[in-house]
PDB file of N, CA and C in Angstrom:
ATOM      1  N   GLN A   1       0.481   2.507  14.892  1.00  0.00           N
ATOM      2  CA  GLN A   1       0.711   3.200  13.634  1.00  0.00           C
ATOM      3  C   GLN A   1      -0.572   3.905  13.207  1.00  0.00           C
ATOM      4  N   VAL A   2      -0.508   5.215  13.112  1.00  0.00           N
ATOM      5  CA  VAL A   2      -1.667   5.994  12.688  1.00  0.00           C
ATOM      6  C   VAL A   2      -1.730   6.010  11.170  1.00  0.00           C
ATOM      7  N   ARG A   3      -2.898   5.748  10.634  1.00  0.00           N
ATOM      8  CA  ARG A   3      -3.112   5.816   9.189  1.00  0.00           C
ATOM      9  C   ARG A   3      -4.071   6.953   8.907  1.00  0.00           C
ATOM     10  N   LEU A   4      -3.669   7.843   8.002  1.00  0.00           N
ATOM     11  CA  LEU A   4      -4.471   9.015   7.675  1.00  0.00           C
ATOM     12  C   LEU A   4      -4.949   8.917   6.232  1.00  0.00           C
ATOM     13  N   VAL A   5      -6.213   9.197   6.015  1.00  0.00           N
ATOM     14  CA  VAL A   5      -6.790   9.152   4.676  1.00  0.00           C
ATOM     15  C   VAL A   5      -7.499  10.464   4.388  1.00  0.00           C
ATOM     16  N   GLU A   6      -7.064  11.148   3.330  1.00  0.00           N
ATOM     17  CA  GLU A   6      -7.660  12.407   2.929  1.00  0.00           C
ATOM     18  C   GLU A   6      -8.763  12.169   1.899  1.00  0.00           C
ATOM     19  N   SER A   7      -9.721  13.072   1.884  1.00  0.00           N
ATOM     20  CA  SER A   7     -10.779  13.043   0.881  1.00  0.00           C
ATOM     21  C   SER A   7     -11.287  14.462   0.671  1.00  0.00           C
ATOM     22  N   GLY A   8     -12.049  14.651  -0.410  1.00  0.00           N
ATOM     23  CA  GLY A   8     -12.678  15.936  -0.651  1.00  0.00           C
ATOM     24  C   GLY A   8     -12.033  16.784  -1.725  1.00  0.00           C
ATOM     25  N   GLY A   9     -10.914  16.319  -2.263  1.00  0.00           N
ATOM     26  CA  GLY A   9     -10.274  17.091  -3.329  1.00  0.00           C
ATOM     27  C   GLY A   9     -11.070  17.023  -4.617  1.00  0.00           C
ATOM     28  N   GLY A  10     -10.644  17.812  -5.601  1.00  0.00           N
ATOM     29  CA  GLY A  10     -11.339  17.799  -6.877  1.00  0.00           C
ATOM     30  C   GLY A  10     -10.987  19.008  -7.707  1.00  0.00           C
ATOM     31  N   LEU A  11     -11.779  19.211  -8.755  1.00  0.00           N
ATOM     32  CA  LEU A  11     -11.596  20.333  -9.674  1.00  0.00           C
ATOM     33  C   LEU A  11     -12.648  21.389  -9.378  1.00  0.00           C
ATOM     34  N   VAL A  12     -12.218  22.627  -9.216  1.00  0.00           N
ATOM     35  CA  VAL A  12     -13.137  23.719  -8.906  1.00  0.00           C
ATOM     36  C   VAL A  12     -12.673  24.967  -9.638  1.00  0.00           C
ATOM     37  N   GLN A  13     -13.619  25.831  -9.964  1.00  0.00           N
ATOM     38  CA  GLN A  13     -13.263  27.087 -10.609  1.00  0.00           C
ATOM     39  C   GLN A  13     -12.729  28.078  -9.583  1.00  0.00           C
ATOM     40  N   ALA A  14     -11.942  29.001 -10.048  1.00  0.00           N
ATOM     41  CA  ALA A  14     -11.436  30.056  -9.173  1.00  0.00           C
ATOM     42  C   ALA A  14     -12.607  30.758  -8.491  1.00  0.00           C
ATOM     43  N   GLY A  15     -12.433  31.011  -7.202  1.00  0.00           N
ATOM     44  CA  GLY A  15     -13.489  31.610  -6.407  1.00  0.00           C
ATOM     45  C   GLY A  15     -14.381  30.604  -5.709  1.00  0.00           C
ATOM     46  N   GLY A  16     -14.238  29.348  -6.076  1.00  0.00           N
ATOM     47  CA  GLY A  16     -15.059  28.298  -5.485  1.00  0.00           C
ATOM     48  C   GLY A  16     -14.520  27.805  -4.157  1.00  0.00           C
ATOM     49  N   SER A  17     -15.172  26.768  -3.643  1.00  0.00           N
ATOM     50  CA  SER A  17     -14.818  26.224  -2.333  1.00  0.00           C
ATOM     51  C   SER A  17     -14.715  24.711  -2.387  1.00  0.00           C
ATOM     52  N   LEU A  18     -13.893  24.194  -1.500  1.00  0.00           N
ATOM     53  CA  LEU A  18     -13.790  22.758  -1.271  1.00  0.00           C
ATOM     54  C   LEU A  18     -13.585  22.535   0.218  1.00  0.00           C
ATOM     55  N   ARG A  19     -14.013  21.383   0.684  1.00  0.00           N
ATOM     56  CA  ARG A  19     -13.770  20.996   2.068  1.00  0.00           C
ATOM     57  C   ARG A  19     -13.046  19.657   2.081  1.00  0.00           C
ATOM     58  N   LEU A  20     -11.827  19.689   2.567  1.00  0.00           N
ATOM     59  CA  LEU A  20     -11.052  18.466   2.695  1.00  0.00           C
ATOM     60  C   LEU A  20     -11.288  17.848   4.065  1.00  0.00           C
ATOM     61  N   SER A  21     -11.293  16.523   4.087  1.00  0.00           N
ATOM     62  CA  SER A  21     -11.413  15.788   5.341  1.00  0.00           C
ATOM     63  C   SER A  21     -10.236  14.830   5.477  1.00  0.00           C
ATOM     64  N   CYS A  22      -9.859  14.575   6.703  1.00  0.00           N
ATOM     65  CA  CYS A  22      -8.780  13.633   7.000  1.00  0.00           C
ATOM     66  C   CYS A  22      -9.252  12.759   8.151  1.00  0.00           C
ATOM     67  N   THR A  23      -9.381  11.488   7.883  1.00  0.00           N
ATOM     68  CA  THR A  23      -9.863  10.557   8.895  1.00  0.00           C
ATOM     69  C   THR A  23      -8.731   9.620   9.291  1.00  0.00           C
ATOM     70  N   ALA A  24      -8.627   9.378  10.588  1.00  0.00           N
ATOM     71  CA  ALA A  24      -7.531   8.560  11.103  1.00  0.00           C
ATOM     72  C   ALA A  24      -8.019   7.206  11.585  1.00  0.00           C
ATOM     73  N   SER A  25      -7.142   6.230  11.457  1.00  0.00           N
ATOM     74  CA  SER A  25      -7.373   4.919  12.045  1.00  0.00           C
ATOM     75  C   SER A  25      -6.075   4.462  12.686  1.00  0.00           C
ATOM     76  N   GLY A  26      -6.189   3.552  13.641  1.00  0.00           N
ATOM     77  CA  GLY A  26      -4.997   3.043  14.306  1.00  0.00           C
ATOM     78  C   GLY A  26      -4.495   3.923  15.418  1.00  0.00           C
ATOM     79  N   GLY A  27      -5.250   4.952  15.758  1.00  0.00           N
ATOM     80  CA  GLY A  27      -4.822   5.843  16.825  1.00  0.00           C
ATOM     81  C   GLY A  27      -5.891   6.878  17.099  1.00  0.00           C
ATOM     82  N   THR A  28      -5.758   7.562  18.223  1.00  0.00           N
ATOM     83  CA  THR A  28      -6.725   8.587  18.597  1.00  0.00           C
ATOM     84  C   THR A  28      -6.144   9.947  18.256  1.00  0.00           C
ATOM     85  N   LEU A  29      -6.815  10.667  17.372  1.00  0.00           N
ATOM     86  CA  LEU A  29      -6.281  11.943  16.899  1.00  0.00           C
ATOM     87  C   LEU A  29      -6.164  12.992  17.992  1.00  0.00           C
ATOM     88  N   SER A  30      -6.925  12.830  19.052  1.00  0.00           N
ATOM     89  CA  SER A  30      -6.879  13.830  20.115  1.00  0.00           C
ATOM     90  C   SER A  30      -5.500  13.908  20.759  1.00  0.00           C
ATOM     91  N   SER A  31      -4.650  12.916  20.515  1.00  0.00           N
ATOM     92  CA  SER A  31      -3.302  12.922  21.066  1.00  0.00           C
ATOM     93  C   SER A  31      -2.310  13.674  20.187  1.00  0.00           C
ATOM     94  N   TYR A  32      -2.745  14.131  19.024  1.00  0.00           N
ATOM     95  CA  TYR A  32      -1.829  14.677  18.038  1.00  0.00           C
ATOM     96  C   TYR A  32      -2.172  16.108  17.643  1.00  0.00           C
ATOM     97  N   GLY A  33      -1.127  16.869  17.395  1.00  0.00           N
ATOM     98  CA  GLY A  33      -1.300  18.090  16.640  1.00  0.00           C
ATOM     99  C   GLY A  33      -1.475  17.692  15.183  1.00  0.00           C
ATOM    100  N   MET A  34      -2.300  18.425  14.450  1.00  0.00           N
ATOM    101  CA  MET A  34      -2.624  18.052  13.073  1.00  0.00           C
ATOM    102  C   MET A  34      -2.351  19.205  12.129  1.00  0.00           C
ATOM    103  N   GLY A  35      -2.029  18.857  10.902  1.00  0.00           N
ATOM    104  CA  GLY A  35      -1.767  19.901   9.928  1.00  0.00           C
ATOM    105  C   GLY A  35      -2.087  19.455   8.515  1.00  0.00           C
ATOM    106  N   TRP A  36      -2.159  20.430   7.658  1.00  0.00           N
ATOM    107  CA  TRP A  36      -2.285  20.198   6.222  1.00  0.00           C
ATOM    108  C   TRP A  36      -1.093  20.868   5.543  1.00  0.00           C
ATOM    109  N   PHE A  37      -0.473  20.163   4.642  1.00  0.00           N
ATOM    110  CA  PHE A  37       0.537  20.777   3.802  1.00  0.00           C
ATOM    111  C   PHE A  37       0.243  20.405   2.355  1.00  0.00           C
ATOM    112  N   ARG A  38       0.856  21.127   1.431  1.00  0.00           N
ATOM    113  CA  ARG A  38       0.584  20.890   0.014  1.00  0.00           C
ATOM    114  C   ARG A  38       1.873  20.902  -0.783  1.00  0.00           C
ATOM    115  N   GLN A  39       1.811  20.283  -1.925  1.00  0.00           N
ATOM    116  CA  GLN A  39       2.945  20.288  -2.835  1.00  0.00           C
ATOM    117  C   GLN A  39       2.450  20.361  -4.265  1.00  0.00           C
ATOM    118  N   ALA A  40       2.897  21.389  -4.954  1.00  0.00           N
ATOM    119  CA  ALA A  40       2.579  21.562  -6.361  1.00  0.00           C
ATOM    120  C   ALA A  40       3.731  21.014  -7.203  1.00  0.00           C
ATOM    121  N   PRO A  41       3.484  20.644  -8.453  1.00  0.00           N
ATOM    122  CA  PRO A  41       4.540  20.104  -9.312  1.00  0.00           C
ATOM    123  C   PRO A  41       5.719  21.067  -9.416  1.00  0.00           C
ATOM    124  N   GLY A  42       6.912  20.548  -9.188  1.00  0.00           N
ATOM    125  CA  GLY A  42       8.109  21.355  -9.303  1.00  0.00           C
ATOM    126  C   GLY A  42       8.360  22.299  -8.143  1.00  0.00           C
ATOM    127  N   LYS A  43       7.530  22.216  -7.123  1.00  0.00           N
ATOM    128  CA  LYS A  43       7.693  23.112  -5.971  1.00  0.00           C
ATOM    129  C   LYS A  43       7.917  22.306  -4.701  1.00  0.00           C
ATOM    130  N   GLU A  44       8.461  22.976  -3.691  1.00  0.00           N
ATOM    131  CA  GLU A  44       8.679  22.331  -2.414  1.00  0.00           C
ATOM    132  C   GLU A  44       7.365  22.217  -1.642  1.00  0.00           C
ATOM    133  N   ARG A  45       7.360  21.319  -0.672  1.00  0.00           N
ATOM    134  CA  ARG A  45       6.193  21.217   0.198  1.00  0.00           C
ATOM    135  C   ARG A  45       6.009  22.506   0.973  1.00  0.00           C
ATOM    136  N   GLU A  46       4.758  22.859   1.185  1.00  0.00           N
ATOM    137  CA  GLU A  46       4.433  24.102   1.878  1.00  0.00           C
ATOM    138  C   GLU A  46       3.396  23.813   2.954  1.00  0.00           C
ATOM    139  N   SER A  47       3.702  24.238   4.162  1.00  0.00           N
ATOM    140  CA  SER A  47       2.744  24.080   5.243  1.00  0.00           C
ATOM    141  C   SER A  47       1.586  25.044   5.012  1.00  0.00           C
ATOM    142  N   VAL A  48       0.363  24.553   5.168  1.00  0.00           N
ATOM    143  CA  VAL A  48      -0.816  25.358   4.864  1.00  0.00           C
ATOM    144  C   VAL A  48      -1.561  25.762   6.127  1.00  0.00           C
ATOM    145  N   ALA A  49      -1.886  24.796   6.968  1.00  0.00           N
ATOM    146  CA  ALA A  49      -2.655  25.077   8.186  1.00  0.00           C
ATOM    147  C   ALA A  49      -2.322  24.032   9.236  1.00  0.00           C
ATOM    148  N   GLY A  50      -2.424  24.440  10.503  1.00  0.00           N
ATOM    149  CA  GLY A  50      -2.159  23.517  11.601  1.00  0.00           C
ATOM    150  C   GLY A  50      -3.085  23.804  12.763  1.00  0.00           C
ATOM    151  N   ILE A  51      -3.283  22.790  13.605  1.00  0.00           N
ATOM    152  CA  ILE A  51      -4.182  22.940  14.738  1.00  0.00           C
ATOM    153  C   ILE A  51      -3.682  22.058  15.873  1.00  0.00           C
ATOM    154  N   ASN A  52      -3.713  22.581  17.094  1.00  0.00           N
ATOM    155  CA  ASN A  52      -3.223  21.783  18.208  1.00  0.00           C
ATOM    156  C   ASN A  52      -4.280  20.764  18.634  1.00  0.00           C
ATOM    157  N   TRP A  53      -3.963  19.963  19.653  1.00  0.00           N
ATOM    158  CA  TRP A  53      -4.821  18.819  19.984  1.00  0.00           C
ATOM    159  C   TRP A  53      -6.229  19.227  20.375  1.00  0.00           C
ATOM    160  N   SER A  54      -6.362  20.372  21.029  1.00  0.00           N
ATOM    161  CA  SER A  54      -7.673  20.794  21.516  1.00  0.00           C
ATOM    162  C   SER A  54      -8.430  21.651  20.517  1.00  0.00           C
ATOM    163  N   GLY A  55      -7.723  22.131  19.505  1.00  0.00           N
ATOM    164  CA  GLY A  55      -8.350  23.063  18.577  1.00  0.00           C
ATOM    165  C   GLY A  55      -8.245  24.508  19.030  1.00  0.00           C
ATOM    166  N   GLY A  56      -7.579  24.724  20.168  1.00  0.00           N
ATOM    167  CA  GLY A  56      -7.487  26.064  20.703  1.00  0.00           C
ATOM    168  C   GLY A  56      -6.495  26.960  19.981  1.00  0.00           C
ATOM    169  N   ASP A  57      -5.526  26.359  19.336  1.00  0.00           N
ATOM    170  CA  ASP A  57      -4.520  27.115  18.584  1.00  0.00           C
ATOM    171  C   ASP A  57      -4.518  26.664  17.132  1.00  0.00           C
ATOM    172  N   THR A  58      -4.566  27.624  16.239  1.00  0.00           N
ATOM    173  CA  THR A  58      -4.502  27.319  14.809  1.00  0.00           C
ATOM    174  C   THR A  58      -3.432  28.176  14.151  1.00  0.00           C
ATOM    175  N   TYR A  59      -2.884  27.664  13.080  1.00  0.00           N
ATOM    176  CA  TYR A  59      -1.810  28.353  12.362  1.00  0.00           C
ATOM    177  C   TYR A  59      -2.098  28.275  10.867  1.00  0.00           C
ATOM    178  N   TYR A  60      -1.736  29.354  10.155  1.00  0.00           N
ATOM    179  CA  TYR A  60      -1.961  29.402   8.718  1.00  0.00           C
ATOM    180  C   TYR A  60      -0.770  30.064   8.032  1.00  0.00           C
ATOM    181  N   VAL A  61      -0.461  29.582   6.842  1.00  0.00           N
ATOM    182  CA  VAL A  61       0.504  30.292   6.020  1.00  0.00           C
ATOM    183  C   VAL A  61      -0.159  31.573   5.525  1.00  0.00           C
ATOM    184  N   HIS A  62       0.616  32.592   5.338  1.00  0.00           N
ATOM    185  CA  HIS A  62       0.054  33.917   5.036  1.00  0.00           C
ATOM    186  C   HIS A  62      -0.859  33.898   3.808  1.00  0.00           C
ATOM    187  N   SER A  63      -0.497  33.108   2.811  1.00  0.00           N
ATOM    188  CA  SER A  63      -1.237  33.139   1.550  1.00  0.00           C
ATOM    189  C   SER A  63      -2.667  32.585   1.650  1.00  0.00           C
ATOM    190  N   VAL A  64      -2.992  31.879   2.735  1.00  0.00           N
ATOM    191  CA  VAL A  64      -4.341  31.307   2.852  1.00  0.00           C
ATOM    192  C   VAL A  64      -5.134  31.927   4.005  1.00  0.00           C
ATOM    193  N   LYS A  65      -4.521  32.788   4.779  1.00  0.00           N
ATOM    194  CA  LYS A  65      -5.227  33.406   5.901  1.00  0.00           C
ATOM    195  C   LYS A  65      -6.464  34.138   5.417  1.00  0.00           C
ATOM    196  N   GLY A  66      -7.573  33.911   6.111  1.00  0.00           N
ATOM    197  CA  GLY A  66      -8.829  34.542   5.739  1.00  0.00           C
ATOM    198  C   GLY A  66      -9.613  33.776   4.690  1.00  0.00           C
ATOM    199  N   ARG A  67      -8.976  32.777   4.070  1.00  0.00           N
ATOM    200  CA  ARG A  67      -9.658  31.979   3.059  1.00  0.00           C
ATOM    201  C   ARG A  67      -9.826  30.530   3.498  1.00  0.00           C
ATOM    202  N   PHE A  68      -8.860  29.989   4.222  1.00  0.00           N
ATOM    203  CA  PHE A  68      -8.897  28.596   4.669  1.00  0.00           C
ATOM    204  C   PHE A  68      -9.158  28.553   6.168  1.00  0.00           C
ATOM    205  N   THR A  69      -9.858  27.498   6.598  1.00  0.00           N
ATOM    206  CA  THR A  69     -10.102  27.279   8.020  1.00  0.00           C
ATOM    207  C   THR A  69      -9.863  25.811   8.356  1.00  0.00           C
ATOM    208  N   ILE A  70      -8.999  25.584   9.331  1.00  0.00           N
ATOM    209  CA  ILE A  70      -8.761  24.221   9.802  1.00  0.00           C
ATOM    210  C   ILE A  70      -9.582  23.985  11.065  1.00  0.00           C
ATOM    211  N   SER A  71     -10.123  22.803  11.186  1.00  0.00           N
ATOM    212  CA  SER A  71     -10.896  22.451  12.374  1.00  0.00           C
ATOM    213  C   SER A  71     -10.762  20.952  12.617  1.00  0.00           C
ATOM    214  N   ARG A  72     -11.201  20.522  13.775  1.00  0.00           N
ATOM    215  CA  ARG A  72     -11.093  19.102  14.087  1.00  0.00           C
ATOM    216  C   ARG A  72     -12.274  18.661  14.929  1.00  0.00           C
ATOM    217  N   ASP A  73     -12.612  17.397  14.792  1.00  0.00           N
ATOM    218  CA  ASP A  73     -13.639  16.770  15.614  1.00  0.00           C
ATOM    219  C   ASP A  73     -13.001  15.514  16.187  1.00  0.00           C
ATOM    220  N   ASN A  74     -12.495  15.616  17.396  1.00  0.00           N
ATOM    221  CA  ASN A  74     -11.770  14.490  17.986  1.00  0.00           C
ATOM    222  C   ASN A  74     -12.681  13.282  18.205  1.00  0.00           C
ATOM    223  N   ALA A  75     -13.956  13.517  18.429  1.00  0.00           N
ATOM    224  CA  ALA A  75     -14.885  12.401  18.622  1.00  0.00           C
ATOM    225  C   ALA A  75     -15.015  11.569  17.349  1.00  0.00           C
ATOM    226  N   LEU A  76     -14.857  12.220  16.201  1.00  0.00           N
ATOM    227  CA  LEU A  76     -14.950  11.528  14.914  1.00  0.00           C
ATOM    228  C   LEU A  76     -13.575  11.175  14.354  1.00  0.00           C
ATOM    229  N   ASN A  77     -12.528  11.533  15.091  1.00  0.00           N
ATOM    230  CA  ASN A  77     -11.168  11.260  14.625  1.00  0.00           C
ATOM    231  C   ASN A  77     -10.917  11.872  13.252  1.00  0.00           C
ATOM    232  N   THR A  78     -11.401  13.086  13.063  1.00  0.00           N
ATOM    233  CA  THR A  78     -11.353  13.727  11.752  1.00  0.00           C
ATOM    234  C   THR A  78     -10.892  15.169  11.874  1.00  0.00           C
ATOM    235  N   VAL A  79     -10.113  15.581  10.877  1.00  0.00           N
ATOM    236  CA  VAL A  79      -9.666  16.961  10.756  1.00  0.00           C
ATOM    237  C   VAL A  79     -10.152  17.481   9.403  1.00  0.00           C
ATOM    238  N   TYR A  80     -10.514  18.757   9.374  1.00  0.00           N
ATOM    239  CA  TYR A  80     -11.072  19.346   8.163  1.00  0.00           C
ATOM    240  C   TYR A  80     -10.238  20.546   7.719  1.00  0.00           C
ATOM    241  N   LEU A  81     -10.310  20.817   6.427  1.00  0.00           N
ATOM    242  CA  LEU A  81      -9.752  22.057   5.886  1.00  0.00           C
ATOM    243  C   LEU A  81     -10.791  22.647   4.940  1.00  0.00           C
ATOM    244  N   GLN A  82     -11.447  23.701   5.390  1.00  0.00           N
ATOM    245  CA  GLN A  82     -12.411  24.410   4.563  1.00  0.00           C
ATOM    246  C   GLN A  82     -11.661  25.440   3.743  1.00  0.00           C
ATOM    247  N   MET A  83     -11.783  25.349   2.431  1.00  0.00           N
ATOM    248  CA  MET A  83     -11.040  26.229   1.533  1.00  0.00           C
ATOM    249  C   MET A  83     -12.043  27.049   0.722  1.00  0.00           C
ATOM    250  N   ASN A  84     -12.032  28.347   0.933  1.00  0.00           N
ATOM    251  CA  ASN A  84     -12.907  29.255   0.211  1.00  0.00           C
ATOM    252  C   ASN A  84     -12.093  30.191  -0.667  1.00  0.00           C
ATOM    253  N   SER A  85     -12.764  30.837  -1.603  1.00  0.00           N
ATOM    254  CA  SER A  85     -12.114  31.802  -2.492  1.00  0.00           C
ATOM    255  C   SER A  85     -10.848  31.213  -3.105  1.00  0.00           C
ATOM    256  N   LEU A  86     -10.968  30.018  -3.619  1.00  0.00           N
ATOM    257  CA  LEU A  86      -9.794  29.314  -4.152  1.00  0.00           C
ATOM    258  C   LEU A  86      -9.218  30.026  -5.354  1.00  0.00           C
ATOM    259  N   LYS A  87      -7.903  29.949  -5.470  1.00  0.00           N
ATOM    260  CA  LYS A  87      -7.164  30.580  -6.554  1.00  0.00           C
ATOM    261  C   LYS A  87      -6.392  29.509  -7.330  1.00  0.00           C
ATOM    262  N   PRO A  88      -6.069  29.766  -8.582  1.00  0.00           N
ATOM    263  CA  PRO A  88      -5.283  28.778  -9.349  1.00  0.00           C
ATOM    264  C   PRO A  88      -3.978  28.397  -8.648  1.00  0.00           C
ATOM    265  N   GLU A  89      -3.383  29.329  -7.924  1.00  0.00           N
ATOM    266  CA  GLU A  89      -2.127  29.027  -7.234  1.00  0.00           C
ATOM    267  C   GLU A  89      -2.308  28.112  -6.031  1.00  0.00           C
ATOM    268  N   ASP A  90      -3.542  27.795  -5.678  1.00  0.00           N
ATOM    269  CA  ASP A  90      -3.799  26.814  -4.618  1.00  0.00           C
ATOM    270  C   ASP A  90      -3.752  25.385  -5.160  1.00  0.00           C
ATOM    271  N   THR A  91      -3.624  25.239  -6.471  1.00  0.00           N
ATOM    272  CA  THR A  91      -3.566  23.912  -7.073  1.00  0.00           C
ATOM    273  C   THR A  91      -2.358  23.141  -6.566  1.00  0.00           C
ATOM    274  N   ALA A  92      -2.607  21.952  -6.027  1.00  0.00           N
ATOM    275  CA  ALA A  92      -1.542  21.126  -5.445  1.00  0.00           C
ATOM    276  C   ALA A  92      -2.155  19.830  -4.943  1.00  0.00           C
ATOM    277  N   VAL A  93      -1.290  18.924  -4.537  1.00  0.00           N
ATOM    278  CA  VAL A  93      -1.734  17.763  -3.761  1.00  0.00           C
ATOM    279  C   VAL A  93      -1.689  18.174  -2.301  1.00  0.00           C
ATOM    280  N   TYR A  94      -2.793  17.969  -1.618  1.00  0.00           N
ATOM    281  CA  TYR A  94      -2.901  18.341  -0.205  1.00  0.00           C
ATOM    282  C   TYR A  94      -2.791  17.092   0.664  1.00  0.00           C
ATOM    283  N   TYR A  95      -1.930  17.206   1.662  1.00  0.00           N
ATOM    284  CA  TYR A  95      -1.671  16.096   2.567  1.00  0.00           C
ATOM    285  C   TYR A  95      -2.088  16.468   3.989  1.00  0.00           C
ATOM    286  N   CYS A  96      -2.637  15.494   4.679  1.00  0.00           N
ATOM    287  CA  CYS A  96      -2.946  15.619   6.093  1.00  0.00           C
ATOM    288  C   CYS A  96      -1.807  14.983   6.875  1.00  0.00           C
ATOM    289  N   ALA A  97      -1.471  15.562   8.036  1.00  0.00           N
ATOM    290  CA  ALA A  97      -0.343  15.045   8.794  1.00  0.00           C
ATOM    291  C   ALA A  97      -0.599  15.161  10.292  1.00  0.00           C
ATOM    292  N   ALA A  98       0.053  14.278  11.056  1.00  0.00           N
ATOM    293  CA  ALA A  98      -0.121  14.237  12.500  1.00  0.00           C
ATOM    294  C   ALA A  98       1.228  14.327  13.197  1.00  0.00           C
ATOM    295  N   ALA A  99       1.278  15.070  14.288  1.00  0.00           N
ATOM    296  CA  ALA A  99       2.507  15.254  15.061  1.00  0.00           C
ATOM    297  C   ALA A  99       2.289  14.805  16.491  1.00  0.00           C
ATOM    298  N   ARG A 100       3.158  13.924  16.977  1.00  0.00           N
ATOM    299  CA  ARG A 100       3.073  13.484  18.372  1.00  0.00           C
ATOM    300  C   ARG A 100       3.610  14.563  19.297  1.00  0.00           C
ATOM    301  N   GLY A 101       3.156  14.517  20.525  1.00  0.00           N
ATOM    302  CA  GLY A 101       3.688  15.412  21.537  1.00  0.00           C
ATOM    303  C   GLY A 101       3.224  16.841  21.355  1.00  0.00           C
ATOM    304  N   GLN A 102       4.004  17.752  21.913  1.00  0.00           N
ATOM    305  CA  GLN A 102       3.672  19.166  21.827  1.00  0.00           C
ATOM    306  C   GLN A 102       3.715  19.618  20.375  1.00  0.00           C
ATOM    307  N   TYR A 103       2.763  20.415  19.989  1.00  0.00           N
ATOM    308  CA  TYR A 103       2.682  20.924  18.617  1.00  0.00           C
ATOM    309  C   TYR A 103       2.527  22.428  18.705  1.00  0.00           C
ATOM    310  N   SER A 104       3.471  23.125  18.103  1.00  0.00           N
ATOM    311  CA  SER A 104       3.448  24.585  18.161  1.00  0.00           C
ATOM    312  C   SER A 104       3.627  25.160  16.763  1.00  0.00           C
ATOM    313  N   VAL A 105       3.650  26.460  16.686  1.00  0.00           N
ATOM    314  CA  VAL A 105       3.833  27.112  15.401  1.00  0.00           C
ATOM    315  C   VAL A 105       5.178  26.734  14.799  1.00  0.00           C
ATOM    316  N   ARG A 106       6.166  26.460  15.647  1.00  0.00           N
ATOM    317  CA  ARG A 106       7.478  26.053  15.131  1.00  0.00           C
ATOM    318  C   ARG A 106       7.371  24.727  14.392  1.00  0.00           C
ATOM    319  N   ASP A 107       6.600  23.779  14.971  1.00  0.00           N
ATOM    320  CA  ASP A 107       6.405  22.482  14.317  1.00  0.00           C
ATOM    321  C   ASP A 107       5.656  22.657  13.008  1.00  0.00           C
ATOM    322  N   PHE A 108       4.677  23.561  13.030  1.00  0.00           N
ATOM    323  CA  PHE A 108       3.885  23.843  11.835  1.00  0.00           C
ATOM    324  C   PHE A 108       4.789  24.384  10.727  1.00  0.00           C
ATOM    325  N   LEU A 109       5.612  25.350  11.049  1.00  0.00           N
ATOM    326  CA  LEU A 109       6.483  25.969  10.050  1.00  0.00           C
ATOM    327  C   LEU A 109       7.550  24.996   9.553  1.00  0.00           C
ATOM    328  N   ALA A 110       8.005  24.119  10.435  1.00  0.00           N
ATOM    329  CA  ALA A 110       9.078  23.189  10.080  1.00  0.00           C
ATOM    330  C   ALA A 110       8.554  21.894   9.463  1.00  0.00           C
ATOM    331  N   LEU A 111       7.255  21.784   9.320  1.00  0.00           N
ATOM    332  CA  LEU A 111       6.640  20.565   8.789  1.00  0.00           C
ATOM    333  C   LEU A 111       7.075  19.344   9.594  1.00  0.00           C
ATOM    334  N   ARG A 112       7.080  19.488  10.913  1.00  0.00           N
ATOM    335  CA  ARG A 112       7.492  18.394  11.782  1.00  0.00           C
ATOM    336  C   ARG A 112       6.288  17.511  12.076  1.00  0.00           C
ATOM    337  N   TYR A 113       6.192  16.438  11.331  1.00  0.00           N
ATOM    338  CA  TYR A 113       5.089  15.499  11.492  1.00  0.00           C
ATOM    339  C   TYR A 113       5.623  14.074  11.552  1.00  0.00           C
ATOM    340  N   ASP A 114       4.878  13.214  12.216  1.00  0.00           N
ATOM    341  CA  ASP A 114       5.269  11.814  12.335  1.00  0.00           C
ATOM    342  C   ASP A 114       4.511  10.912  11.369  1.00  0.00           C
ATOM    343  N   TYR A 115       3.339  11.324  10.969  1.00  0.00           N
ATOM    344  CA  TYR A 115       2.528  10.528  10.041  1.00  0.00           C
ATOM    345  C   TYR A 115       1.878  11.469   9.030  1.00  0.00           C
ATOM    346  N   TRP A 116       1.654  10.978   7.836  1.00  0.00           N
ATOM    347  CA  TRP A 116       0.923  11.740   6.830  1.00  0.00           C
ATOM    348  C   TRP A 116       0.245  10.776   5.883  1.00  0.00           C
ATOM    349  N   GLY A 117      -0.781  11.285   5.206  1.00  0.00           N
ATOM    350  CA  GLY A 117      -1.540  10.463   4.285  1.00  0.00           C
ATOM    351  C   GLY A 117      -0.963  10.493   2.883  1.00  0.00           C
ATOM    352  N   ARG A 118      -1.719   9.938   1.932  1.00  0.00           N
ATOM    353  CA  ARG A 118      -1.258   9.860   0.552  1.00  0.00           C
ATOM    354  C   ARG A 118      -1.630  11.091  -0.258  1.00  0.00           C
ATOM    355  N   GLY A 119      -2.473  11.926   0.302  1.00  0.00           N
ATOM    356  CA  GLY A 119      -2.795  13.172  -0.367  1.00  0.00           C
ATOM    357  C   GLY A 119      -4.049  13.110  -1.212  1.00  0.00           C
ATOM    358  N   THR A 120      -4.600  14.287  -1.474  1.00  0.00           N
ATOM    359  CA  THR A 120      -5.749  14.435  -2.353  1.00  0.00           C
ATOM    360  C   THR A 120      -5.500  15.633  -3.266  1.00  0.00           C
ATOM    361  N   GLN A 121      -5.805  15.464  -4.548  1.00  0.00           N
ATOM    362  CA  GLN A 121      -5.498  16.499  -5.543  1.00  0.00           C
ATOM    363  C   GLN A 121      -6.557  17.598  -5.503  1.00  0.00           C
ATOM    364  N   VAL A 122      -6.093  18.819  -5.461  1.00  0.00           N
ATOM    365  CA  VAL A 122      -6.958  19.995  -5.587  1.00  0.00           C
ATOM    366  C   VAL A 122      -6.500  20.765  -6.818  1.00  0.00           C
ATOM    367  N   THR A 123      -7.422  20.975  -7.737  1.00  0.00           N
ATOM    368  CA  THR A 123      -7.115  21.711  -8.961  1.00  0.00           C
ATOM    369  C   THR A 123      -8.089  22.868  -9.096  1.00  0.00           C
ATOM    370  N   VAL A 124      -7.548  24.068  -9.215  1.00  0.00           N
ATOM    371  CA  VAL A 124      -8.363  25.269  -9.341  1.00  0.00           C
ATOM    372  C   VAL A 124      -8.137  25.849 -10.727  1.00  0.00           C
ATOM    373  N   SER A 125      -9.204  25.914 -11.501  1.00  0.00           N
ATOM    374  CA  SER A 125      -9.099  26.438 -12.861  1.00  0.00           C
ATOM    375  C   SER A 125      -9.392  27.935 -12.885  1.00  0.00           C
ATOM    376  N   SER A 126      -8.747  28.619 -13.807  1.00  0.00           N
ATOM    377  CA  SER A 126      -8.938  30.079 -13.888  1.00  0.00           C
ATOM    378  C   SER A 126     -10.097  30.437 -14.810  1.00  0.00           C
TER     379      SER A 126
END
């Protein structure tokens, strides 16, 4: 059973930056495709960024392209989400998630994950 713990959320002004981290225990992250999704109050979950096991393929929702960067360090069992130029509409709880087996853009878009963490709150003030 993989356990994922997110950290790095907080309150930031519009235009600011945050770096989220997701650390895993109970499993080796190098076996999993990884992603970040978010959910704002009253809204559906939205896939934000994804990365395959090697880091060679990354995926982003259109609204964060050019502002967010997903990366991973398999040696540290950690995945990161660097968020720059934050906007108030980025306010949400951000979740880290892991997918077994092949991970592609289809899995990213469909939010197909086997494990996810409890989330970390990101609040962007205007």
